[in-house]
């Protein structure tokens, strides 16, 4: 399965985001932004980051 690039501005993949959520138990977009720099430039990926967080934290 191909690893999807979620944040195109900072080249952050879905696997990087899910791994960070699992390892560090992140529960907010702000935590992902601080750790991975995803969603800090244009913000277009923030809805997808929210979706990933919701699925991982069910």
C-alpha atoms as a PDB file:
ATOM      1  CA  UNK A   1       0.000   0.000   0.000  1.00  0.00           C
ATOM      2  CA  UNK A   2       1.292   3.420  -0.955  1.00  0.00           C
ATOM      3  CA  UNK A   3       1.994   5.878   1.850  1.00  0.00           C
ATOM      4  CA  UNK A   4      -0.110   8.951   1.120  1.00  0.00           C
ATOM      5  CA  UNK A   5       1.426  12.379   1.448  1.00  0.00           C
ATOM      6  CA  UNK A   6      -0.968  14.371   3.636  1.00  0.00           C
ATOM      7  CA  UNK A   7       0.950  17.633   4.017  1.00  0.00           C
ATOM      8  CA  UNK A   8       2.399  18.604   0.654  1.00  0.00           C
ATOM      9  CA  UNK A   9       4.072  21.764   1.973  1.00  0.00           C
ATOM     10  CA  UNK A  10       6.251  19.865   4.462  1.00  0.00           C
ATOM     11  CA  UNK A  11       6.172  16.388   2.883  1.00  0.00           C
ATOM     12  CA  UNK A  12       4.492  14.651   5.818  1.00  0.00           C
ATOM     13  CA  UNK A  13       2.979  11.260   5.103  1.00  0.00           C
ATOM     14  CA  UNK A  14      -0.056   9.544   6.566  1.00  0.00           C
ATOM     15  CA  UNK A  15       2.202   6.880   8.091  1.00  0.00           C
ATOM     16  CA  UNK A  16       4.298   9.538   9.823  1.00  0.00           C
ATOM     17  CA  UNK A  17       1.161  11.056  11.306  1.00  0.00           C
ATOM     18  CA  UNK A  18      -0.343   7.750  12.440  1.00  0.00           C
ATOM     19  CA  UNK A  19       2.987   6.605  13.899  1.00  0.00           C
ATOM     20  CA  UNK A  20       3.328   9.853  15.863  1.00  0.00           C
ATOM     21  CA  UNK A  21      -0.234   9.551  17.176  1.00  0.00           C
ATOM     22  CA  UNK A  22       0.381   5.980  18.332  1.00  0.00           C
ATOM     23  CA  UNK A  23       3.825   6.582  19.820  1.00  0.00           C
ATOM     24  CA  UNK A  24       3.099   9.868  21.575  1.00  0.00           C
ATOM     25  CA  UNK A  25      -0.673   9.565  22.062  1.00  0.00           C
ATOM     26  CA  UNK A  26      -1.364  12.865  20.364  1.00  0.00           C
ATOM     27  CA  UNK A  27      -4.994  13.955  20.488  1.00  0.00           C
ATOM     28  CA  UNK A  28      -4.935  17.350  18.778  1.00  0.00           C
ATOM     29  CA  UNK A  29      -3.988  18.923  15.486  1.00  0.00           C
ATOM     30  CA  UNK A  30      -1.748  21.359  17.384  1.00  0.00           C
ATOM     31  CA  UNK A  31       0.332  18.478  18.739  1.00  0.00           C
ATOM     32  CA  UNK A  32       0.785  17.089  15.222  1.00  0.00           C
ATOM     33  CA  UNK A  33       1.672  20.555  13.933  1.00  0.00           C
ATOM     34  CA  UNK A  34       4.284  21.056  16.651  1.00  0.00           C
ATOM     35  CA  UNK A  35       5.824  17.619  16.251  1.00  0.00           C
ATOM     36  CA  UNK A  36       5.750  17.100  12.487  1.00  0.00           C
ATOM     37  CA  UNK A  37       5.207  20.617  11.094  1.00  0.00           C
ATOM     38  CA  UNK A  38       2.212  19.290   9.144  1.00  0.00           C
ATOM     39  CA  UNK A  39      -0.480  21.853   8.489  1.00  0.00           C
ATOM     40  CA  UNK A  40       1.511  24.919   9.481  1.00  0.00           C
ATOM     41  CA  UNK A  41       2.022  26.563   6.093  1.00  0.00           C
ATOM     42  CA  UNK A  42      -1.156  26.578   3.998  1.00  0.00           C
ATOM     43  CA  UNK A  43      -3.431  24.546   6.293  1.00  0.00           C
ATOM     44  CA  UNK A  44      -5.151  22.609   3.508  1.00  0.00           C
ATOM     45  CA  UNK A  45      -4.255  19.300   5.151  1.00  0.00           C
ATOM     46  CA  UNK A  46      -5.757  20.136   8.556  1.00  0.00           C
ATOM     47  CA  UNK A  47      -9.142  18.492   7.809  1.00  0.00           C
ATOM     48  CA  UNK A  48      -7.359  15.277   6.824  1.00  0.00           C
ATOM     49  CA  UNK A  49      -5.174  15.433   9.944  1.00  0.00           C
ATOM     50  CA  UNK A  50      -8.385  15.774  12.002  1.00  0.00           C
ATOM     51  CA  UNK A  51      -9.818  12.700  10.255  1.00  0.00           C
ATOM     52  CA  UNK A  52      -6.679  10.680  10.937  1.00  0.00           C
ATOM     53  CA  UNK A  53      -6.704  11.735  14.600  1.00  0.00           C
ATOM     54  CA  UNK A  54     -10.365  10.782  14.954  1.00  0.00           C
ATOM     55  CA  UNK A  55      -9.801   7.328  13.448  1.00  0.00           C
ATOM     56  CA  UNK A  56      -6.671   6.656  15.506  1.00  0.00           C
ATOM     57  CA  UNK A  57      -8.213   7.800  18.783  1.00  0.00           C
ATOM     58  CA  UNK A  58     -11.459   5.818  18.544  1.00  0.00           C
END
